[in-house]
Amino acid sequence: MEMTQLALQAGSPAEAKQVLEKGYETKALGTGKDAERHARLKALVDKSIASSQQERAKDEREALAAPSGEELVKLGMNYVYEGKADKGLPLIEQGIKKGNLKRPEDAKLTLGEAQLVAGHKQRAVQTLRGVSGNDGTADIARLWVLNARA
């Protein structure tokens, strides 16, 4: 539940849906005394996805016009989690190239994660190896590389 909520807070309803579905699939969600709470979270995720898709064209225009690439990265990641990597990966790359990012290494980490989700393991490992920093981002990138090799 917490991971689903964090994904929603981060503006990634498609990722939240994947996490939620996995929870239901493994019976970690949807059963027990909190089943009603789980159902409310599922309804919130469904509503967030519908809203996100309804506002997609406007969000894309605004992201392209923004001085920073932050929103392009976020929007691209949502596309990837929706199964539209061909649309999402270029948006993430465009956001990184646009620059003015608060945390550029996080954006590279996001690109590597997106490439893994999309099934581009070799590109992902190459991207993730290029992530640096001393705030833990490089460590997380190394963990993603290990995950890619597993």
N, C-alpha and C. Protein backbone atom coordinates (compact mmCIF):
# COMPACT_ATOMS: atom_id res chain seq x y z
N MET A 1 0.82 -1.18 0.00
CA MET A 1 0.00 0.00 0.00
C MET A 1 0.87 1.25 0.00
N GLU A 2 1.90 1.23 0.81
CA GLU A 2 2.74 2.42 0.92
C GLU A 2 3.45 2.72 -0.40
N MET A 3 3.94 1.71 -1.06
CA MET A 3 4.61 1.93 -2.34
C MET A 3 3.63 2.49 -3.37
N THR A 4 2.41 2.01 -3.36
CA THR A 4 1.38 2.53 -4.26
C THR A 4 1.13 4.00 -3.96
N GLN A 5 1.00 4.34 -2.69
CA GLN A 5 0.76 5.72 -2.29
C GLN A 5 1.93 6.61 -2.68
N LEU A 6 3.15 6.13 -2.49
CA LEU A 6 4.33 6.92 -2.86
C LEU A 6 4.38 7.17 -4.36
N ALA A 7 4.03 6.16 -5.14
CA ALA A 7 4.01 6.33 -6.60
C ALA A 7 2.97 7.38 -7.00
N LEU A 8 1.83 7.36 -6.35
CA LEU A 8 0.80 8.38 -6.63
C LEU A 8 1.31 9.77 -6.27
N GLN A 9 1.94 9.89 -5.12
CA GLN A 9 2.47 11.18 -4.68
C GLN A 9 3.55 11.69 -5.62
N ALA A 10 4.30 10.78 -6.20
CA ALA A 10 5.36 11.16 -7.14
C ALA A 10 4.81 11.49 -8.52
N GLY A 11 3.51 11.34 -8.71
CA GLY A 11 2.91 11.66 -10.00
C GLY A 11 3.03 10.54 -11.01
N SER A 12 3.09 9.31 -10.53
CA SER A 12 3.23 8.15 -11.42
C SER A 12 2.09 7.16 -11.19
N PRO A 13 0.89 7.52 -11.65
CA PRO A 13 -0.25 6.62 -11.41
C PRO A 13 -0.12 5.27 -12.12
N ALA A 14 0.55 5.23 -13.25
CA ALA A 14 0.72 3.96 -13.96
C ALA A 14 1.60 3.01 -13.15
N GLU A 15 2.63 3.54 -12.53
CA GLU A 15 3.48 2.70 -11.66
C GLU A 15 2.67 2.25 -10.44
N ALA A 16 1.88 3.16 -9.88
CA ALA A 16 1.05 2.83 -8.73
C ALA A 16 0.12 1.67 -9.08
N LYS A 17 -0.43 1.70 -10.27
CA LYS A 17 -1.35 0.63 -10.70
C LYS A 17 -0.61 -0.70 -10.79
N GLN A 18 0.60 -0.69 -11.33
CA GLN A 18 1.36 -1.93 -11.43
C GLN A 18 1.65 -2.51 -10.05
N VAL A 19 2.05 -1.65 -9.13
CA VAL A 19 2.35 -2.10 -7.77
C VAL A 19 1.09 -2.67 -7.12
N LEU A 20 -0.01 -1.96 -7.27
CA LEU A 20 -1.28 -2.39 -6.69
C LEU A 20 -1.72 -3.73 -7.27
N GLU A 21 -1.62 -3.87 -8.58
CA GLU A 21 -2.01 -5.14 -9.22
C GLU A 21 -1.16 -6.30 -8.71
N LYS A 22 0.13 -6.04 -8.52
CA LYS A 22 1.01 -7.08 -8.00
C LYS A 22 0.59 -7.47 -6.58
N GLY A 23 0.20 -6.46 -5.78
CA GLY A 23 -0.28 -6.73 -4.43
C GLY A 23 -1.53 -7.58 -4.42
N TYR A 24 -2.45 -7.29 -5.33
CA TYR A 24 -3.68 -8.09 -5.42
C TYR A 24 -3.36 -9.50 -5.94
N GLU A 25 -2.45 -9.58 -6.90
CA GLU A 25 -2.09 -10.88 -7.48
C GLU A 25 -1.49 -11.81 -6.44
N THR A 26 -0.67 -11.25 -5.55
CA THR A 26 -0.01 -12.07 -4.53
C THR A 26 -0.83 -12.20 -3.25
N LYS A 27 -2.02 -11.62 -3.26
CA LYS A 27 -2.94 -11.65 -2.12
C LYS A 27 -2.42 -10.85 -0.91
N ALA A 28 -1.44 -9.98 -1.15
CA ALA A 28 -0.98 -9.07 -0.09
C ALA A 28 -2.00 -7.96 0.10
N LEU A 29 -2.80 -7.72 -0.93
CA LEU A 29 -3.86 -6.71 -0.87
C LEU A 29 -5.18 -7.37 -1.25
N GLY A 30 -6.26 -6.76 -0.78
CA GLY A 30 -7.59 -7.24 -1.15
C GLY A 30 -8.17 -8.27 -0.20
N THR A 31 -7.44 -8.63 0.82
CA THR A 31 -7.92 -9.60 1.78
C THR A 31 -7.71 -9.08 3.20
N GLY A 32 -8.31 -9.72 4.14
CA GLY A 32 -8.10 -9.37 5.54
C GLY A 32 -8.89 -8.16 5.98
N LYS A 33 -8.54 -7.67 7.16
CA LYS A 33 -9.30 -6.58 7.77
C LYS A 33 -9.14 -5.26 7.04
N ASP A 34 -8.10 -5.12 6.22
CA ASP A 34 -7.87 -3.88 5.48
C ASP A 34 -8.36 -3.95 4.04
N ALA A 35 -9.11 -4.96 3.69
CA ALA A 35 -9.55 -5.14 2.30
C ALA A 35 -10.34 -3.93 1.80
N GLU A 36 -11.16 -3.34 2.66
CA GLU A 36 -11.93 -2.17 2.25
C GLU A 36 -11.00 -0.98 1.97
N ARG A 37 -10.00 -0.84 2.79
CA ARG A 37 -9.00 0.23 2.58
C ARG A 37 -8.25 0.01 1.26
N HIS A 38 -7.91 -1.22 0.98
CA HIS A 38 -7.24 -1.55 -0.27
C HIS A 38 -8.13 -1.19 -1.46
N ALA A 39 -9.42 -1.48 -1.34
CA ALA A 39 -10.38 -1.18 -2.41
C ALA A 39 -10.47 0.33 -2.65
N ARG A 40 -10.43 1.11 -1.56
CA ARG A 40 -10.45 2.58 -1.71
C ARG A 40 -9.19 3.07 -2.42
N LEU A 41 -8.06 2.47 -2.07
CA LEU A 41 -6.80 2.85 -2.74
C LEU A 41 -6.87 2.48 -4.22
N LYS A 42 -7.42 1.33 -4.53
CA LYS A 42 -7.57 0.91 -5.93
C LYS A 42 -8.45 1.90 -6.69
N ALA A 43 -9.54 2.34 -6.06
CA ALA A 43 -10.43 3.32 -6.70
C ALA A 43 -9.69 4.64 -6.93
N LEU A 44 -8.85 5.04 -5.98
CA LEU A 44 -8.07 6.27 -6.13
C LEU A 44 -7.06 6.14 -7.28
N VAL A 45 -6.42 4.99 -7.38
CA VAL A 45 -5.46 4.76 -8.46
C VAL A 45 -6.19 4.80 -9.81
N ASP A 46 -7.32 4.13 -9.91
CA ASP A 46 -8.09 4.13 -11.16
C ASP A 46 -8.50 5.55 -11.55
N LYS A 47 -8.92 6.33 -10.56
CA LYS A 47 -9.33 7.71 -10.81
C LYS A 47 -8.12 8.55 -11.26
N SER A 48 -6.97 8.34 -10.63
CA SER A 48 -5.75 9.08 -10.99
C SER A 48 -5.31 8.75 -12.41
N ILE A 49 -5.42 7.49 -12.79
CA ILE A 49 -5.03 7.09 -14.14
C ILE A 49 -5.97 7.72 -15.17
N ALA A 50 -7.26 7.67 -14.90
CA ALA A 50 -8.23 8.26 -15.82
C ALA A 50 -7.98 9.75 -15.97
N SER A 51 -7.72 10.42 -14.87
CA SER A 51 -7.45 11.86 -14.91
C SER A 51 -6.16 12.14 -15.66
N SER A 52 -5.14 11.34 -15.40
CA SER A 52 -3.85 11.51 -16.07
C SER A 52 -3.98 11.36 -17.58
N GLN A 53 -4.73 10.37 -18.01
CA GLN A 53 -4.89 10.14 -19.44
C GLN A 53 -5.76 11.21 -20.08
N GLN A 54 -6.73 11.70 -19.34
CA GLN A 54 -7.60 12.76 -19.86
C GLN A 54 -6.83 14.06 -20.04
N GLU A 55 -5.88 14.32 -19.17
CA GLU A 55 -5.10 15.56 -19.20
C GLU A 55 -3.79 15.41 -19.98
N ARG A 56 -3.58 14.26 -20.58
CA ARG A 56 -2.28 13.93 -21.19
C ARG A 56 -1.83 14.95 -22.24
N ALA A 57 -2.67 15.34 -23.15
CA ALA A 57 -2.28 16.27 -24.21
C ALA A 57 -1.87 17.62 -23.63
N LYS A 58 -2.64 18.09 -22.67
CA LYS A 58 -2.32 19.37 -22.01
C LYS A 58 -1.01 19.25 -21.24
N ASP A 59 -0.84 18.16 -20.51
CA ASP A 59 0.38 17.95 -19.74
C ASP A 59 1.61 17.90 -20.65
N GLU A 60 1.44 17.27 -21.80
CA GLU A 60 2.56 17.16 -22.74
C GLU A 60 2.93 18.55 -23.29
N ARG A 61 1.93 19.34 -23.65
CA ARG A 61 2.20 20.70 -24.14
C ARG A 61 2.91 21.52 -23.08
N GLU A 62 2.43 21.44 -21.86
CA GLU A 62 3.03 22.20 -20.76
C GLU A 62 4.46 21.73 -20.48
N ALA A 63 4.69 20.43 -20.53
CA ALA A 63 6.03 19.88 -20.29
C ALA A 63 7.00 20.33 -21.37
N LEU A 64 6.55 20.35 -22.61
CA LEU A 64 7.41 20.79 -23.71
C LEU A 64 7.74 22.28 -23.60
N ALA A 65 6.80 23.07 -23.08
CA ALA A 65 7.00 24.52 -22.97
C ALA A 65 7.75 24.91 -21.70
N ALA A 66 7.83 24.04 -20.73
CA ALA A 66 8.47 24.35 -19.45
C ALA A 66 9.97 24.59 -19.62
N PRO A 67 10.55 25.45 -18.80
CA PRO A 67 11.99 25.71 -18.90
C PRO A 67 12.84 24.54 -18.43
N SER A 68 12.26 23.65 -17.66
CA SER A 68 12.97 22.49 -17.12
C SER A 68 12.48 21.22 -17.80
N GLY A 69 13.30 20.20 -17.76
CA GLY A 69 12.92 18.91 -18.33
C GLY A 69 12.24 17.98 -17.33
N GLU A 70 12.01 18.46 -16.10
CA GLU A 70 11.43 17.63 -15.05
C GLU A 70 10.12 16.94 -15.46
N GLU A 71 9.21 17.72 -15.98
CA GLU A 71 7.89 17.17 -16.32
C GLU A 71 7.96 16.21 -17.50
N LEU A 72 8.88 16.44 -18.43
CA LEU A 72 9.05 15.51 -19.55
C LEU A 72 9.51 14.15 -19.03
N VAL A 73 10.42 14.17 -18.06
CA VAL A 73 10.92 12.92 -17.48
C VAL A 73 9.78 12.18 -16.79
N LYS A 74 9.00 12.89 -16.00
CA LYS A 74 7.88 12.27 -15.28
C LYS A 74 6.82 11.73 -16.25
N LEU A 75 6.49 12.52 -17.25
CA LEU A 75 5.50 12.12 -18.24
C LEU A 75 5.99 10.89 -19.02
N GLY A 76 7.25 10.91 -19.40
CA GLY A 76 7.82 9.78 -20.13
C GLY A 76 7.78 8.50 -19.32
N MET A 77 8.07 8.61 -18.02
CA MET A 77 8.04 7.43 -17.17
C MET A 77 6.63 6.87 -17.06
N ASN A 78 5.64 7.75 -17.00
CA ASN A 78 4.26 7.28 -16.97
C ASN A 78 3.92 6.50 -18.23
N TYR A 79 4.36 7.00 -19.38
CA TYR A 79 4.12 6.27 -20.63
C TYR A 79 4.77 4.89 -20.57
N VAL A 80 5.99 4.82 -20.07
CA VAL A 80 6.68 3.53 -19.99
C VAL A 80 5.91 2.56 -19.12
N TYR A 81 5.46 3.00 -17.96
CA TYR A 81 4.70 2.12 -17.08
C TYR A 81 3.33 1.75 -17.65
N GLU A 82 2.84 2.53 -18.60
CA GLU A 82 1.59 2.19 -19.28
C GLU A 82 1.83 1.23 -20.43
N GLY A 83 3.09 0.86 -20.67
CA GLY A 83 3.41 -0.04 -21.76
C GLY A 83 3.67 0.67 -23.08
N LYS A 84 3.90 1.98 -23.03
CA LYS A 84 4.13 2.78 -24.24
C LYS A 84 5.56 3.33 -24.23
N ALA A 85 6.52 2.41 -24.15
CA ALA A 85 7.92 2.79 -24.07
C ALA A 85 8.39 3.57 -25.30
N ASP A 86 7.84 3.24 -26.47
CA ASP A 86 8.24 3.94 -27.68
C ASP A 86 7.92 5.43 -27.61
N LYS A 87 6.95 5.79 -26.83
CA LYS A 87 6.59 7.20 -26.63
C LYS A 87 7.30 7.77 -25.40
N GLY A 88 7.44 6.96 -24.35
CA GLY A 88 7.99 7.43 -23.08
C GLY A 88 9.48 7.63 -23.05
N LEU A 89 10.24 6.69 -23.60
CA LEU A 89 11.70 6.80 -23.54
C LEU A 89 12.21 8.07 -24.22
N PRO A 90 11.73 8.41 -25.42
CA PRO A 90 12.19 9.66 -26.04
C PRO A 90 11.84 10.91 -25.21
N LEU A 91 10.70 10.88 -24.53
CA LEU A 91 10.34 12.03 -23.69
C LEU A 91 11.30 12.17 -22.51
N ILE A 92 11.68 11.06 -21.90
CA ILE A 92 12.64 11.10 -20.79
C ILE A 92 13.97 11.64 -21.30
N GLU A 93 14.43 11.12 -22.43
CA GLU A 93 15.69 11.58 -23.00
C GLU A 93 15.63 13.07 -23.35
N GLN A 94 14.51 13.49 -23.89
CA GLN A 94 14.32 14.90 -24.23
C GLN A 94 14.36 15.77 -22.97
N GLY A 95 13.75 15.29 -21.90
CA GLY A 95 13.76 16.02 -20.65
C GLY A 95 15.16 16.17 -20.09
N ILE A 96 15.96 15.12 -20.19
CA ILE A 96 17.35 15.17 -19.72
C ILE A 96 18.15 16.15 -20.57
N LYS A 97 17.97 16.10 -21.88
CA LYS A 97 18.69 17.02 -22.77
C LYS A 97 18.26 18.46 -22.55
N LYS A 98 16.99 18.67 -22.23
CA LYS A 98 16.48 20.02 -22.00
C LYS A 98 17.18 20.66 -20.81
N GLY A 99 17.49 19.85 -19.81
CA GLY A 99 18.25 20.33 -18.67
C GLY A 99 17.42 21.08 -17.65
N ASN A 100 18.11 21.92 -16.88
CA ASN A 100 17.51 22.67 -15.77
C ASN A 100 16.81 21.74 -14.79
N LEU A 101 17.37 20.57 -14.60
CA LEU A 101 16.79 19.57 -13.70
C LEU A 101 17.29 19.81 -12.28
N LYS A 102 16.42 19.65 -11.32
CA LYS A 102 16.82 19.80 -9.91
C LYS A 102 17.83 18.73 -9.54
N ARG A 103 17.61 17.53 -10.03
CA ARG A 103 18.48 16.39 -9.71
C ARG A 103 18.76 15.61 -11.00
N PRO A 104 19.74 16.05 -11.78
CA PRO A 104 20.02 15.40 -13.07
C PRO A 104 20.37 13.91 -12.96
N GLU A 105 21.05 13.53 -11.90
CA GLU A 105 21.41 12.12 -11.75
C GLU A 105 20.17 11.27 -11.50
N ASP A 106 19.18 11.82 -10.80
CA ASP A 106 17.91 11.11 -10.62
C ASP A 106 17.22 10.88 -11.96
N ALA A 107 17.31 11.87 -12.84
CA ALA A 107 16.70 11.74 -14.16
C ALA A 107 17.38 10.62 -14.96
N LYS A 108 18.70 10.52 -14.85
CA LYS A 108 19.42 9.42 -15.53
C LYS A 108 19.01 8.07 -14.93
N LEU A 109 18.86 8.04 -13.61
CA LEU A 109 18.42 6.83 -12.94
C LEU A 109 17.03 6.43 -13.44
N THR A 110 16.16 7.41 -13.58
CA THR A 110 14.81 7.17 -14.10
C THR A 110 14.87 6.61 -15.51
N LEU A 111 15.75 7.17 -16.34
CA LEU A 111 15.89 6.67 -17.71
C LEU A 111 16.35 5.21 -17.69
N GLY A 112 17.32 4.89 -16.86
CA GLY A 112 17.78 3.51 -16.77
C GLY A 112 16.69 2.57 -16.31
N GLU A 113 15.93 2.99 -15.32
CA GLU A 113 14.80 2.18 -14.85
C GLU A 113 13.77 1.99 -15.96
N ALA A 114 13.48 3.07 -16.67
CA ALA A 114 12.51 3.00 -17.77
C ALA A 114 12.99 2.04 -18.86
N GLN A 115 14.27 2.09 -19.16
CA GLN A 115 14.82 1.20 -20.18
C GLN A 115 14.70 -0.27 -19.74
N LEU A 116 14.91 -0.51 -18.44
CA LEU A 116 14.74 -1.87 -17.93
C LEU A 116 13.29 -2.32 -18.04
N VAL A 117 12.38 -1.46 -17.61
CA VAL A 117 10.95 -1.79 -17.68
C VAL A 117 10.55 -2.09 -19.12
N ALA A 118 11.15 -1.35 -20.05
CA ALA A 118 10.83 -1.52 -21.47
C ALA A 118 11.52 -2.72 -22.09
N GLY A 119 12.40 -3.37 -21.33
CA GLY A 119 13.08 -4.56 -21.84
C GLY A 119 14.38 -4.30 -22.57
N HIS A 120 14.92 -3.10 -22.46
CA HIS A 120 16.18 -2.75 -23.11
C HIS A 120 17.33 -2.85 -22.10
N LYS A 121 17.66 -4.08 -21.73
CA LYS A 121 18.61 -4.31 -20.64
C LYS A 121 19.99 -3.74 -20.91
N GLN A 122 20.54 -3.95 -22.11
CA GLN A 122 21.89 -3.47 -22.38
C GLN A 122 21.97 -1.95 -22.33
N ARG A 123 20.98 -1.28 -22.93
CA ARG A 123 20.94 0.18 -22.87
C ARG A 123 20.77 0.65 -21.44
N ALA A 124 19.95 -0.05 -20.68
CA ALA A 124 19.70 0.32 -19.28
C ALA A 124 20.99 0.22 -18.47
N VAL A 125 21.71 -0.88 -18.61
CA VAL A 125 22.96 -1.06 -17.87
C VAL A 125 23.95 0.04 -18.23
N GLN A 126 24.04 0.37 -19.50
CA GLN A 126 24.94 1.45 -19.94
C GLN A 126 24.52 2.78 -19.31
N THR A 127 23.24 3.09 -19.32
CA THR A 127 22.74 4.33 -18.72
C THR A 127 23.00 4.35 -17.23
N LEU A 128 22.69 3.25 -16.56
CA LEU A 128 22.84 3.19 -15.11
C LEU A 128 24.29 3.27 -14.67
N ARG A 129 25.19 2.75 -15.47
CA ARG A 129 26.62 2.87 -15.13
C ARG A 129 27.11 4.32 -15.20
N GLY A 130 26.39 5.15 -15.93
CA GLY A 130 26.76 6.55 -16.06
C GLY A 130 26.19 7.44 -14.95
N VAL A 131 25.40 6.85 -14.05
CA VAL A 131 24.82 7.62 -12.94
C VAL A 131 25.89 7.80 -11.87
N SER A 132 26.06 9.04 -11.45
CA SER A 132 27.05 9.33 -10.41
C SER A 132 26.39 10.10 -9.28
N GLY A 133 27.21 10.57 -8.38
CA GLY A 133 26.70 11.33 -7.24
C GLY A 133 27.02 10.64 -5.94
N ASN A 134 26.97 11.39 -4.86
CA ASN A 134 27.28 10.83 -3.56
C ASN A 134 26.09 10.91 -2.60
N ASP A 135 24.89 11.00 -3.18
CA ASP A 135 23.67 11.09 -2.37
C ASP A 135 22.89 9.78 -2.35
N GLY A 136 23.50 8.71 -2.82
CA GLY A 136 22.84 7.42 -2.87
C GLY A 136 22.32 7.05 -4.24
N THR A 137 22.25 8.03 -5.14
CA THR A 137 21.72 7.76 -6.48
C THR A 137 22.58 6.73 -7.22
N ALA A 138 23.90 6.88 -7.14
CA ALA A 138 24.81 5.94 -7.81
C ALA A 138 24.66 4.54 -7.21
N ASP A 139 24.46 4.48 -5.89
CA ASP A 139 24.27 3.17 -5.24
C ASP A 139 22.99 2.49 -5.75
N ILE A 140 21.93 3.27 -5.87
CA ILE A 140 20.67 2.72 -6.38
C ILE A 140 20.85 2.26 -7.83
N ALA A 141 21.60 3.03 -8.61
CA ALA A 141 21.87 2.65 -10.00
C ALA A 141 22.59 1.30 -10.05
N ARG A 142 23.57 1.11 -9.15
CA ARG A 142 24.29 -0.17 -9.12
C ARG A 142 23.34 -1.33 -8.77
N LEU A 143 22.40 -1.07 -7.88
CA LEU A 143 21.42 -2.10 -7.53
C LEU A 143 20.54 -2.45 -8.75
N TRP A 144 20.17 -1.42 -9.52
CA TRP A 144 19.39 -1.68 -10.74
C TRP A 144 20.21 -2.49 -11.74
N VAL A 145 21.53 -2.23 -11.81
CA VAL A 145 22.37 -3.01 -12.72
C VAL A 145 22.36 -4.48 -12.28
N LEU A 146 22.49 -4.71 -10.99
CA LEU A 146 22.43 -6.10 -10.48
C LEU A 146 21.08 -6.73 -10.79
N ASN A 147 20.03 -5.96 -10.64
CA ASN A 147 18.69 -6.44 -10.96
C ASN A 147 18.58 -6.81 -12.44
N ALA A 148 19.18 -6.01 -13.29
CA ALA A 148 19.12 -6.26 -14.73
C ALA A 148 19.84 -7.57 -15.08
N ARG A 149 20.84 -7.90 -14.34
CA ARG A 149 21.62 -9.10 -14.64
C ARG A 149 21.01 -10.36 -14.03
N ALA A 150 20.08 -10.17 -13.11
CA ALA A 150 19.48 -11.33 -12.42
C ALA A 150 18.52 -12.07 -13.33
